[in-house]
Amino acid sequence: MQIQSTQNSVHSSETAVAIAITDLCFSYPDNPNVLNQINLTVHRGERLGIIGYNGCGKTTLFLSICGVLAPNSGEIYLLDQPVQPGMFHPNIGLVFQNPDDQLFSASVWDDVAFAPQNMGLPPTEVEQRVVDALAITGMQELAMRPPHHLSGGQKRMVAIAGVLAMRPQVIIYDEPTANLDLRSRRRLIQFLQQSSQTLLISSHDLEFVLEVCDRVVLMNEGQIIADGDPRQVMSNAELMERYGLEKPHSLIPHTHP
C-alpha cells in the first residue's frame, strides 16, 4: 500500500531541494537488500519523520546520506552536490542513536567544541558556537563534567549540542528522545519546532513525530511504504499495524461514558 505524499503540493517547483535520493540500494554481506530502490526528495526547511520497526533500514539510510556507507547502486545528492562516501560533509550532521558512539572527549565543553575546531574556525567563533549550543540544550552547568559521568539523557543532549555547534544546514536525528526526561524532551520539541534547518528524524516516539514533523515516511524491509502528512499516515490503524507499529494514542478518538 502506497500513500502518495501531499507535501510536494505544498512546495513550489522552485523550492530548493536539500536531499535527493534516486534508486538507492544497499546490502551488508550477511544481510541483502537493507535498502531497496529508495527514492526520496526532501526540500530545504522540511522536518521529515522516518518511522518503522527496528531493522527496517532507517539507520542505514541515514549513514548512506552522510556518506558513511557506500551504496551498492543509486545516487544521493545533498544540497545539489553528490554525496561522496568517506568524505566529510560539513553541511550535514548526524546525532547517533547511541550517544556513547559520539562522545569521547575529557569534558562536555571539549566534545561540543571538537567539530568546530576541526572545521578550522577561529577560537572566538568556536567558543561562541559552544556557548550557543550548550544554551539551546540546557547543558551549560555541565560544561566541565566528563561525558561518561552523565546520565543517558544528559549524554543525549550533549551529543545534540555537538552537532548543533557545527551549524549544518541538514541535521539527522536517530532516536533523539531516547532516555530524555519530560523536561528535556519538551525543550527538544520546542527547539526543533522553531528550527529553520532541514531535519530528518527517526523515532519510535510517534507522539514526538506528530509534534515536530510536517511530513512522515513509513519504511518496511528497506522500502518506502507510505509518504505523506503525519496525521494522515499514522491515523491509518490498519497500515500501522500491518507494518509493526501502533496508531498514536492522541489520534484515537476518546469518549466519556
C-alpha atoms as a PDB file:
ATOM      1  CA  MET A   1       0.000   0.000   0.000  1.00  0.00           C
ATOM      2  CA  GLN A   2       1.456   3.345  -1.015  1.00  0.00           C
ATOM      3  CA  ILE A   3       0.131   6.645   0.308  1.00  0.00           C
ATOM      4  CA  GLN A   4       1.241   9.396  -2.018  1.00  0.00           C
ATOM      5  CA  SER A   5       2.863  12.390  -0.405  1.00  0.00           C
ATOM      6  CA  THR A   6       0.854  15.579  -0.244  1.00  0.00           C
ATOM      7  CA  GLN A   7       3.984  17.506   0.666  1.00  0.00           C
ATOM      8  CA  ASN A   8       5.053  18.195  -2.894  1.00  0.00           C
ATOM      9  CA  SER A   9       1.895  20.196  -3.415  1.00  0.00           C
ATOM     10  CA  VAL A  10       2.942  22.478  -0.565  1.00  0.00           C
ATOM     11  CA  HIS A  11       6.299  23.281  -2.155  1.00  0.00           C
ATOM     12  CA  SER A  12       6.515  25.051  -5.477  1.00  0.00           C
ATOM     13  CA  SER A  13       8.690  23.678  -8.227  1.00  0.00           C
ATOM     14  CA  GLU A  14      11.191  26.408  -7.412  1.00  0.00           C
ATOM     15  CA  THR A  15      11.697  25.285  -3.809  1.00  0.00           C
ATOM     16  CA  ALA A  16      15.291  24.256  -3.221  1.00  0.00           C
ATOM     17  CA  VAL A  17      15.956  20.586  -2.607  1.00  0.00           C
ATOM     18  CA  ALA A  18      18.073  19.605   0.390  1.00  0.00           C
ATOM     19  CA  ILE A  19      18.313  15.855  -0.285  1.00  0.00           C
ATOM     20  CA  ALA A  20      17.573  13.944  -3.482  1.00  0.00           C
ATOM     21  CA  ILE A  21      17.836  10.144  -3.453  1.00  0.00           C
ATOM     22  CA  THR A  22      17.337   8.040  -6.574  1.00  0.00           C
ATOM     23  CA  ASP A  23      17.122   4.228  -6.765  1.00  0.00           C
ATOM     24  CA  LEU A  24      19.271   3.755  -3.662  1.00  0.00           C
ATOM     25  CA  CYS A  25      20.213   0.157  -2.831  1.00  0.00           C
ATOM     26  CA  PHE A  26      22.453  -1.161  -0.086  1.00  0.00           C
ATOM     27  CA  SER A  27      23.286  -4.639   1.206  1.00  0.00           C
ATOM     28  CA  TYR A  28      25.504  -5.870   4.014  1.00  0.00           C
ATOM     29  CA  PRO A  29      27.486  -9.065   3.309  1.00  0.00           C
ATOM     30  CA  ASP A  30      25.167 -11.084   5.554  1.00  0.00           C
ATOM     31  CA  ASN A  31      22.009  -9.020   5.035  1.00  0.00           C
ATOM     32  CA  PRO A  32      20.901  -8.261   1.462  1.00  0.00           C
ATOM     33  CA  ASN A  33      18.507  -5.521   0.377  1.00  0.00           C
ATOM     34  CA  VAL A  34      18.671  -3.460   3.566  1.00  0.00           C
ATOM     35  CA  LEU A  35      17.784  -0.556   1.280  1.00  0.00           C
ATOM     36  CA  ASN A  36      15.848  -1.493  -1.823  1.00  0.00           C
ATOM     37  CA  GLN A  37      15.186   1.103  -4.533  1.00  0.00           C
ATOM     38  CA  ILE A  38      14.753   4.097  -2.229  1.00  0.00           C
ATOM     39  CA  ASN A  39      13.544   7.256  -3.970  1.00  0.00           C
ATOM     40  CA  LEU A  40      13.142  10.281  -1.731  1.00  0.00           C
ATOM     41  CA  THR A  41      13.200  14.060  -2.095  1.00  0.00           C
ATOM     42  CA  VAL A  42      13.466  16.344   0.938  1.00  0.00           C
ATOM     43  CA  HIS A  43      13.051  20.081   0.463  1.00  0.00           C
ATOM     44  CA  ARG A  44      15.017  22.637   2.424  1.00  0.00           C
ATOM     45  CA  GLY A  45      13.384  23.502   5.713  1.00  0.00           C
ATOM     46  CA  GLU A  46      11.289  20.331   5.842  1.00  0.00           C
ATOM     47  CA  ARG A  47      11.065  18.307   9.042  1.00  0.00           C
ATOM     48  CA  LEU A  48      10.757  14.717   7.863  1.00  0.00           C
ATOM     49  CA  GLY A  49       9.968  11.900  10.259  1.00  0.00           C
ATOM     50  CA  ILE A  50      11.024   8.374   9.324  1.00  0.00           C
ATOM     51  CA  ILE A  51       9.211   5.586  11.139  1.00  0.00           C
ATOM     52  CA  GLY A  52       9.331   1.802  11.025  1.00  0.00           C
ATOM     53  CA  TYR A  53      10.231  -1.214  13.128  1.00  0.00           C
ATOM     54  CA  ASN A  54      13.817  -1.871  14.249  1.00  0.00           C
ATOM     55  CA  GLY A  55      15.853  -3.197  11.340  1.00  0.00           C
ATOM     56  CA  CYS A  56      13.734  -1.732   8.549  1.00  0.00           C
ATOM     57  CA  GLY A  57      16.672   0.326   7.199  1.00  0.00           C
ATOM     58  CA  LYS A  58      16.333   3.739   8.851  1.00  0.00           C
ATOM     59  CA  THR A  59      19.840   3.974  10.326  1.00  0.00           C
ATOM     60  CA  THR A  60      21.409   2.510   7.177  1.00  0.00           C
ATOM     61  CA  LEU A  61      19.618   5.177   5.152  1.00  0.00           C
ATOM     62  CA  PHE A  62      20.994   7.886   7.455  1.00  0.00           C
ATOM     63  CA  LEU A  63      24.558   6.573   7.233  1.00  0.00           C
ATOM     64  CA  SER A  64      24.268   6.473   3.445  1.00  0.00           C
ATOM     65  CA  ILE A  65      23.056  10.070   3.271  1.00  0.00           C
ATOM     66  CA  CYS A  66      26.006  11.171   5.432  1.00  0.00           C
ATOM     67  CA  GLY A  67      28.483   9.304   3.235  1.00  0.00           C
ATOM     68  CA  VAL A  68      29.494   6.836   5.942  1.00  0.00           C
ATOM     69  CA  LEU A  69      28.257   3.895   3.864  1.00  0.00           C
ATOM     70  CA  ALA A  70      28.787   3.478   0.124  1.00  0.00           C
ATOM     71  CA  PRO A  71      25.601   2.336  -1.639  1.00  0.00           C
ATOM     72  CA  ASN A  72      25.605  -0.622  -3.991  1.00  0.00           C
ATOM     73  CA  SER A  73      23.721   1.469  -6.524  1.00  0.00           C
ATOM     74  CA  GLY A  74      21.767   4.694  -6.808  1.00  0.00           C
ATOM     75  CA  GLU A  75      22.538   8.357  -6.226  1.00  0.00           C
ATOM     76  CA  ILE A  76      22.369  10.723  -3.268  1.00  0.00           C
ATOM     77  CA  TYR A  77      22.576  14.486  -3.684  1.00  0.00           C
ATOM     78  CA  LEU A  78      22.991  16.800  -0.700  1.00  0.00           C
ATOM     79  CA  LEU A  79      22.316  20.489  -1.372  1.00  0.00           C
ATOM     80  CA  ASP A  80      22.777  19.862  -5.132  1.00  0.00           C
ATOM     81  CA  GLN A  81      26.140  18.125  -4.637  1.00  0.00           C
ATOM     82  CA  PRO A  82      26.689  14.355  -4.969  1.00  0.00           C
ATOM     83  CA  VAL A  83      27.495  12.644  -1.675  1.00  0.00           C
ATOM     84  CA  GLN A  84      30.979  11.128  -1.831  1.00  0.00           C
ATOM     85  CA  PRO A  85      31.295   8.137   0.553  1.00  0.00           C
ATOM     86  CA  GLY A  86      34.117   8.546   3.038  1.00  0.00           C
ATOM     87  CA  MET A  87      34.288  12.328   2.647  1.00  0.00           C
ATOM     88  CA  PHE A  88      33.463  14.851   5.378  1.00  0.00           C
ATOM     89  CA  HIS A  89      30.302  16.793   4.580  1.00  0.00           C
ATOM     90  CA  PRO A  90      30.116  19.828   6.931  1.00  0.00           C
ATOM     91  CA  ASN A  91      26.615  20.760   5.746  1.00  0.00           C
ATOM     92  CA  ILE A  92      25.078  17.673   7.348  1.00  0.00           C
ATOM     93  CA  GLY A  93      25.221  16.474  10.937  1.00  0.00           C
ATOM     94  CA  LEU A  94      24.149  13.156  12.445  1.00  0.00           C
ATOM     95  CA  VAL A  95      23.062  12.642  16.040  1.00  0.00           C
ATOM     96  CA  PHE A  96      23.795   8.969  16.658  1.00  0.00           C
ATOM     97  CA  GLN A  97      21.249   6.626  18.186  1.00  0.00           C
ATOM     98  CA  ASN A  98      23.727   5.794  20.962  1.00  0.00           C
ATOM     99  CA  PRO A  99      25.409   8.938  22.356  1.00  0.00           C
ATOM    100  CA  ASP A 100      28.323   6.852  23.644  1.00  0.00           C
ATOM    101  CA  ASP A 101      29.300   6.393  19.995  1.00  0.00           C
ATOM    102  CA  GLN A 102      29.614  10.167  19.685  1.00  0.00           C
ATOM    103  CA  LEU A 103      31.123  11.373  22.965  1.00  0.00           C
ATOM    104  CA  PHE A 104      34.807  10.764  23.650  1.00  0.00           C
ATOM    105  CA  SER A 105      36.458  13.949  24.993  1.00  0.00           C
ATOM    106  CA  ALA A 106      37.558  14.729  28.549  1.00  0.00           C
ATOM    107  CA  SER A 107      34.780  17.268  29.120  1.00  0.00           C
ATOM    108  CA  VAL A 108      31.402  18.270  27.712  1.00  0.00           C
ATOM    109  CA  TRP A 109      32.906  21.542  26.501  1.00  0.00           C
ATOM    110  CA  ASP A 110      35.661  19.745  24.601  1.00  0.00           C
ATOM    111  CA  ASP A 111      33.171  17.374  22.993  1.00  0.00           C
ATOM    112  CA  VAL A 112      30.938  20.191  21.759  1.00  0.00           C
ATOM    113  CA  ALA A 113      33.964  22.170  20.562  1.00  0.00           C
ATOM    114  CA  PHE A 114      35.512  19.235  18.684  1.00  0.00           C
ATOM    115  CA  ALA A 115      33.720  19.667  15.342  1.00  0.00           C
ATOM    116  CA  PRO A 116      34.018  23.489  15.114  1.00  0.00           C
ATOM    117  CA  GLN A 117      37.728  23.242  15.949  1.00  0.00           C
ATOM    118  CA  ASN A 118      38.276  20.665  13.235  1.00  0.00           C
ATOM    119  CA  MET A 119      36.411  22.872  10.780  1.00  0.00           C
ATOM    120  CA  GLY A 120      39.271  25.361  11.211  1.00  0.00           C
ATOM    121  CA  LEU A 121      37.201  28.090  12.845  1.00  0.00           C
ATOM    122  CA  PRO A 122      38.934  30.789  14.918  1.00  0.00           C
ATOM    123  CA  PRO A 123      38.884  30.276  18.718  1.00  0.00           C
ATOM    124  CA  THR A 124      36.389  33.090  19.324  1.00  0.00           C
ATOM    125  CA  GLU A 125      33.943  31.557  16.848  1.00  0.00           C
ATOM    126  CA  VAL A 126      34.403  28.100  18.368  1.00  0.00           C
ATOM    127  CA  GLU A 127      33.707  29.484  21.840  1.00  0.00           C
ATOM    128  CA  GLN A 128      30.554  31.272  20.706  1.00  0.00           C
ATOM    129  CA  ARG A 129      29.228  28.168  18.969  1.00  0.00           C
ATOM    130  CA  VAL A 130      29.837  26.039  22.055  1.00  0.00           C
ATOM    131  CA  VAL A 131      28.119  28.589  24.317  1.00  0.00           C
ATOM    132  CA  ASP A 132      25.113  28.789  21.980  1.00  0.00           C
ATOM    133  CA  ALA A 133      24.786  25.004  21.603  1.00  0.00           C
ATOM    134  CA  LEU A 134      25.019  24.389  25.344  1.00  0.00           C
ATOM    135  CA  ALA A 135      22.401  27.087  25.969  1.00  0.00           C
ATOM    136  CA  ILE A 136      19.979  25.567  23.456  1.00  0.00           C
ATOM    137  CA  THR A 137      20.280  22.125  25.038  1.00  0.00           C
ATOM    138  CA  GLY A 138      20.389  23.351  28.649  1.00  0.00           C
ATOM    139  CA  MET A 139      23.788  21.814  29.317  1.00  0.00           C
ATOM    140  CA  GLN A 140      25.686  24.946  30.414  1.00  0.00           C
ATOM    141  CA  GLU A 141      26.168  23.826  34.018  1.00  0.00           C
ATOM    142  CA  LEU A 142      27.670  20.523  32.869  1.00  0.00           C
ATOM    143  CA  ALA A 143      30.272  22.068  30.558  1.00  0.00           C
ATOM    144  CA  MET A 144      33.267  20.909  32.608  1.00  0.00           C
ATOM    145  CA  ARG A 145      31.898  17.472  33.500  1.00  0.00           C
ATOM    146  CA  PRO A 146      33.335  14.322  31.871  1.00  0.00           C
ATOM    147  CA  PRO A 147      30.692  12.947  29.453  1.00  0.00           C
ATOM    148  CA  HIS A 148      30.992   9.430  30.885  1.00  0.00           C
ATOM    149  CA  HIS A 149      29.780  10.779  34.257  1.00  0.00           C
ATOM    150  CA  LEU A 150      26.478  11.948  32.778  1.00  0.00           C
ATOM    151  CA  SER A 151      23.106  10.242  32.682  1.00  0.00           C
ATOM    152  CA  GLY A 152      21.827   8.757  29.434  1.00  0.00           C
ATOM    153  CA  GLY A 153      19.550  11.739  28.825  1.00  0.00           C
ATOM    154  CA  GLN A 154      22.317  14.242  29.544  1.00  0.00           C
ATOM    155  CA  LYS A 155      24.623  12.421  27.138  1.00  0.00           C
ATOM    156  CA  ARG A 156      21.894  12.646  24.520  1.00  0.00           C
ATOM    157  CA  MET A 157      21.618  16.427  24.883  1.00  0.00           C
ATOM    158  CA  VAL A 158      25.406  16.866  24.774  1.00  0.00           C
ATOM    159  CA  ALA A 159      25.551  14.797  21.585  1.00  0.00           C
ATOM    160  CA  ILE A 160      22.886  17.059  20.086  1.00  0.00           C
ATOM    161  CA  ALA A 161      24.847  20.143  21.204  1.00  0.00           C
ATOM    162  CA  GLY A 162      27.940  18.800  19.445  1.00  0.00           C
ATOM    163  CA  VAL A 163      26.068  18.616  16.143  1.00  0.00           C
ATOM    164  CA  LEU A 164      24.374  21.994  16.628  1.00  0.00           C
ATOM    165  CA  ALA A 165      27.787  23.602  17.125  1.00  0.00           C
ATOM    166  CA  MET A 166      28.651  22.649  13.544  1.00  0.00           C
ATOM    167  CA  ARG A 167      25.648  24.689  12.349  1.00  0.00           C
ATOM    168  CA  PRO A 168      24.958  22.349   9.429  1.00  0.00           C
ATOM    169  CA  GLN A 169      22.097  23.027   7.032  1.00  0.00           C
ATOM    170  CA  VAL A 170      20.779  19.476   7.422  1.00  0.00           C
ATOM    171  CA  ILE A 171      20.609  17.518  10.692  1.00  0.00           C
ATOM    172  CA  ILE A 172      19.683  13.862  11.087  1.00  0.00           C
ATOM    173  CA  TYR A 173      18.368  12.746  14.470  1.00  0.00           C
ATOM    174  CA  ASP A 174      18.362   8.981  15.135  1.00  0.00           C
ATOM    175  CA  GLU A 175      16.012   8.300  18.079  1.00  0.00           C
ATOM    176  CA  PRO A 176      16.600  11.722  19.696  1.00  0.00           C
ATOM    177  CA  THR A 177      14.147  11.321  22.603  1.00  0.00           C
ATOM    178  CA  ALA A 178      15.631   8.064  23.937  1.00  0.00           C
ATOM    179  CA  ASN A 179      16.470   8.419  27.665  1.00  0.00           C
ATOM    180  CA  LEU A 180      15.218  12.012  27.836  1.00  0.00           C
ATOM    181  CA  ASP A 181      13.144  13.113  30.818  1.00  0.00           C
ATOM    182  CA  LEU A 182       9.961  15.090  30.170  1.00  0.00           C
ATOM    183  CA  ARG A 183      11.616  18.484  30.598  1.00  0.00           C
ATOM    184  CA  SER A 184      14.453  17.717  28.167  1.00  0.00           C
ATOM    185  CA  ARG A 185      12.023  16.135  25.699  1.00  0.00           C
ATOM    186  CA  ARG A 186       9.863  19.277  25.749  1.00  0.00           C
ATOM    187  CA  ARG A 187      12.927  21.506  25.340  1.00  0.00           C
ATOM    188  CA  LEU A 188      13.955  19.465  22.295  1.00  0.00           C
ATOM    189  CA  ILE A 189      10.460  19.620  20.792  1.00  0.00           C
ATOM    190  CA  GLN A 190      10.276  23.392  21.171  1.00  0.00           C
ATOM    191  CA  PHE A 191      13.717  23.875  19.647  1.00  0.00           C
ATOM    192  CA  LEU A 192      13.013  21.617  16.667  1.00  0.00           C
ATOM    193  CA  GLN A 193       9.656  23.260  16.012  1.00  0.00           C
ATOM    194  CA  GLN A 194      11.447  26.599  15.638  1.00  0.00           C
ATOM    195  CA  SER A 195      14.410  25.277  13.665  1.00  0.00           C
ATOM    196  CA  SER A 196      14.941  26.541  10.124  1.00  0.00           C
ATOM    197  CA  GLN A 197      17.267  23.661   9.277  1.00  0.00           C
ATOM    198  CA  THR A 198      16.249  20.646   7.241  1.00  0.00           C
ATOM    199  CA  LEU A 199      15.592  17.793   9.663  1.00  0.00           C
ATOM    200  CA  LEU A 200      15.372  14.027   9.243  1.00  0.00           C
ATOM    201  CA  ILE A 201      14.135  12.359  12.403  1.00  0.00           C
ATOM    202  CA  SER A 202      13.831   8.658  13.147  1.00  0.00           C
ATOM    203  CA  SER A 203      11.870   7.855  16.279  1.00  0.00           C
ATOM    204  CA  HIS A 204       9.643   5.233  17.886  1.00  0.00           C
ATOM    205  CA  ASP A 205       8.159   8.116  19.905  1.00  0.00           C
ATOM    206  CA  LEU A 206       5.307   8.716  17.483  1.00  0.00           C
ATOM    207  CA  GLU A 207       3.749  11.486  19.571  1.00  0.00           C
ATOM    208  CA  PHE A 208       7.064  13.320  19.271  1.00  0.00           C
ATOM    209  CA  VAL A 209       6.992  12.824  15.487  1.00  0.00           C
ATOM    210  CA  LEU A 210       3.452  14.229  15.359  1.00  0.00           C
ATOM    211  CA  GLU A 211       4.506  17.370  17.230  1.00  0.00           C
ATOM    212  CA  VAL A 212       7.718  18.062  15.343  1.00  0.00           C
ATOM    213  CA  CYS A 213       7.451  16.747  11.785  1.00  0.00           C
ATOM    214  CA  ASP A 214       5.468  18.177   8.876  1.00  0.00           C
ATOM    215  CA  ARG A 215       5.896  15.009   6.791  1.00  0.00           C
ATOM    216  CA  VAL A 216       6.440  11.344   7.571  1.00  0.00           C
ATOM    217  CA  VAL A 217       7.821   8.339   5.696  1.00  0.00           C
ATOM    218  CA  LEU A 218       6.998   4.777   6.748  1.00  0.00           C
ATOM    219  CA  MET A 219       9.680   2.205   5.915  1.00  0.00           C
ATOM    220  CA  ASN A 220       9.446  -1.589   5.759  1.00  0.00           C
ATOM    221  CA  GLU A 221      12.133  -4.041   4.657  1.00  0.00           C
ATOM    222  CA  GLY A 222      14.243  -1.303   3.097  1.00  0.00           C
ATOM    223  CA  GLN A 223      11.432   0.263   1.108  1.00  0.00           C
ATOM    224  CA  ILE A 224       9.211   3.310   1.483  1.00  0.00           C
ATOM    225  CA  ILE A 225       5.650   2.144   2.072  1.00  0.00           C
ATOM    226  CA  ALA A 226       3.920   5.436   2.831  1.00  0.00           C
ATOM    227  CA  ASP A 227       4.853   9.088   2.467  1.00  0.00           C
ATOM    228  CA  GLY A 228       2.644  11.988   3.482  1.00  0.00           C
ATOM    229  CA  ASP A 229       1.093  14.088   6.216  1.00  0.00           C
ATOM    230  CA  PRO A 230       1.951  12.598   9.636  1.00  0.00           C
ATOM    231  CA  ARG A 231      -1.615  12.644  10.945  1.00  0.00           C
ATOM    232  CA  GLN A 232      -2.954  11.070   7.770  1.00  0.00           C
ATOM    233  CA  VAL A 233      -0.364   8.297   7.639  1.00  0.00           C
ATOM    234  CA  MET A 234      -0.290   7.478  11.348  1.00  0.00           C
ATOM    235  CA  SER A 235      -4.066   7.618  11.840  1.00  0.00           C
ATOM    236  CA  ASN A 236      -4.391   4.644   9.472  1.00  0.00           C
ATOM    237  CA  ALA A 237      -4.543   1.893  12.099  1.00  0.00           C
ATOM    238  CA  GLU A 238      -4.581  -0.927   9.543  1.00  0.00           C
ATOM    239  CA  LEU A 239      -1.481   0.422   7.811  1.00  0.00           C
ATOM    240  CA  MET A 240       0.392   0.952  11.071  1.00  0.00           C
ATOM    241  CA  GLU A 241      -0.417  -2.475  12.467  1.00  0.00           C
ATOM    242  CA  ARG A 242       0.465  -4.207   9.211  1.00  0.00           C
ATOM    243  CA  TYR A 243       3.996  -2.827   9.446  1.00  0.00           C
ATOM    244  CA  GLY A 244       4.604  -3.408  13.135  1.00  0.00           C
ATOM    245  CA  LEU A 245       3.549  -0.038  14.574  1.00  0.00           C
ATOM    246  CA  GLU A 246       0.661   1.320  16.626  1.00  0.00           C
ATOM    247  CA  LYS A 247      -1.572   4.268  15.900  1.00  0.00           C
ATOM    248  CA  PRO A 248      -0.504   7.108  18.247  1.00  0.00           C
ATOM    249  CA  HIS A 249      -2.739   7.420  21.294  1.00  0.00           C
ATOM    250  CA  SER A 250      -3.529  11.075  20.569  1.00  0.00           C
ATOM    251  CA  LEU A 251      -5.084  10.087  17.214  1.00  0.00           C
ATOM    252  CA  ILE A 252      -7.510   7.612  18.785  1.00  0.00           C
ATOM    253  CA  PRO A 253     -10.975   9.135  19.432  1.00  0.00           C
ATOM    254  CA  HIS A 254     -11.776   9.257  23.123  1.00  0.00           C
ATOM    255  CA  THR A 255     -15.281   9.237  24.537  1.00  0.00           C
ATOM    256  CA  HIS A 256     -16.558   9.625  28.080  1.00  0.00           C
ATOM    257  CA  PRO A 257     -19.084   7.094  29.369  1.00  0.00           C
END
